[in-house]
Amino acid sequence: MNNEVRKYLATIGQRGGQKSRRLLDAETARDMVRVREARRAYRRFHATCFWSFDPEYVVTLDDVPWVTAELRKHGGRAAWEAANRLCR
């Protein structure tokens, strides 16, 4: 094994014992969670809030405010609570 490969393996091996292995900053990680929750809400409430949109639509970070607004406008209490979770 050459020296560069050993250095690389040593570097990634060190990360295994650290508190967080993720190289993302906190804001990016929060955005990823918001998108995942928005996608889940889109699928869950498609029949009541998003019936006129493609069921296979993939929600992005830019769509989170739209998903939130639609949940609040057309959904019931469960949809409203899902929208509140997206706003945090």
Protein backbone atom coordinates (compact mmCIF):
# COMPACT_ATOMS: atom_id res chain seq x y z
CA MET A 1 0.00 0.00 0.00
CA ASN A 2 1.40 3.40 -0.87
CA ASN A 3 1.85 6.19 1.65
CA GLU A 4 -1.03 8.39 0.39
CA VAL A 5 -3.54 5.58 0.73
CA ARG A 6 -2.37 4.91 4.28
CA LYS A 7 -2.76 8.60 5.19
CA TYR A 8 -6.27 8.64 3.74
CA LEU A 9 -7.32 5.49 5.59
CA ALA A 10 -5.79 6.83 8.81
CA THR A 11 -7.75 10.07 8.40
CA ILE A 12 -11.11 8.42 7.88
CA GLY A 13 -10.36 5.92 10.63
CA GLN A 14 -9.82 8.77 13.11
CA ARG A 15 -13.29 10.11 12.39
CA GLY A 16 -14.86 6.86 13.53
CA GLY A 17 -14.27 7.66 17.19
CA GLN A 18 -15.23 11.33 17.09
CA LYS A 19 -18.54 12.63 18.34
CA SER A 20 -19.92 13.35 14.89
CA ARG A 21 -18.77 11.77 11.67
CA ARG A 22 -20.79 14.14 9.56
CA LEU A 23 -18.98 16.81 7.62
CA LEU A 24 -22.12 18.93 7.26
CA ASP A 25 -22.69 22.11 9.17
CA ALA A 26 -25.72 22.29 11.45
CA GLU A 27 -27.80 24.49 9.14
CA THR A 28 -27.41 22.13 6.19
CA ALA A 29 -28.35 19.18 8.37
CA ARG A 30 -31.49 21.01 9.58
CA ASP A 31 -32.43 21.79 5.97
CA MET A 32 -32.08 18.13 5.06
CA VAL A 33 -34.45 17.19 7.88
CA ARG A 34 -36.97 19.85 6.78
CA VAL A 35 -36.95 18.52 3.21
CA ARG A 36 -37.39 14.94 4.43
CA GLU A 37 -40.32 15.97 6.64
CA ALA A 38 -41.88 18.04 3.83
CA ARG A 39 -41.65 15.07 1.45
CA ARG A 40 -43.26 12.85 4.05
CA ALA A 41 -46.08 15.37 4.61
CA TYR A 42 -46.62 15.76 0.85
CA ARG A 43 -47.11 12.01 0.49
CA ARG A 44 -49.20 11.65 3.65
CA PHE A 45 -51.59 14.51 2.87
CA HIS A 46 -51.60 14.23 -0.93
CA ALA A 47 -55.27 13.24 -1.14
CA THR A 48 -56.47 16.21 0.92
CA CYS A 49 -53.98 19.01 0.30
CA PHE A 50 -52.09 18.25 -2.89
CA TRP A 51 -54.62 16.30 -4.95
CA SER A 52 -54.17 18.50 -8.04
CA PHE A 53 -50.39 18.00 -8.11
CA ASP A 54 -48.35 15.07 -9.38
CA PRO A 55 -48.21 12.34 -6.72
CA GLU A 56 -44.63 11.55 -7.79
CA TYR A 57 -43.46 15.17 -7.38
CA VAL A 58 -40.17 15.41 -5.46
CA VAL A 59 -40.25 18.22 -2.89
CA THR A 60 -37.08 20.34 -2.62
CA LEU A 61 -35.88 22.87 -0.06
CA ASP A 62 -37.41 25.69 -2.12
CA ASP A 63 -40.81 23.95 -1.90
CA VAL A 64 -40.96 23.75 1.91
CA PRO A 65 -42.79 27.11 2.34
CA TRP A 66 -45.30 26.07 -0.35
CA VAL A 67 -45.91 22.69 1.30
CA THR A 68 -46.40 24.45 4.63
CA ALA A 69 -48.91 26.91 3.17
CA GLU A 70 -50.89 24.18 1.42
CA LEU A 71 -51.02 22.06 4.57
CA ARG A 72 -52.38 25.00 6.55
CA LYS A 73 -54.85 26.05 3.86
CA HIS A 74 -56.38 22.69 2.95
CA GLY A 75 -55.56 20.29 5.78
CA GLY A 76 -57.09 19.46 9.08
CA ARG A 77 -55.50 19.45 12.50
CA ALA A 78 -52.91 16.78 11.67
CA ALA A 79 -51.82 18.69 8.57
CA TRP A 80 -51.63 21.91 10.59
CA GLU A 81 -49.36 20.22 13.13
CA ALA A 82 -47.15 18.85 10.34
CA ALA A 83 -46.88 22.39 8.93
CA ASN A 84 -45.86 23.70 12.35
CA ARG A 85 -43.07 21.12 12.54
CA LEU A 86 -41.79 22.32 9.16
CA CYS A 87 -41.61 25.93 10.35
CA ARG A 88 -39.17 25.32 13.19
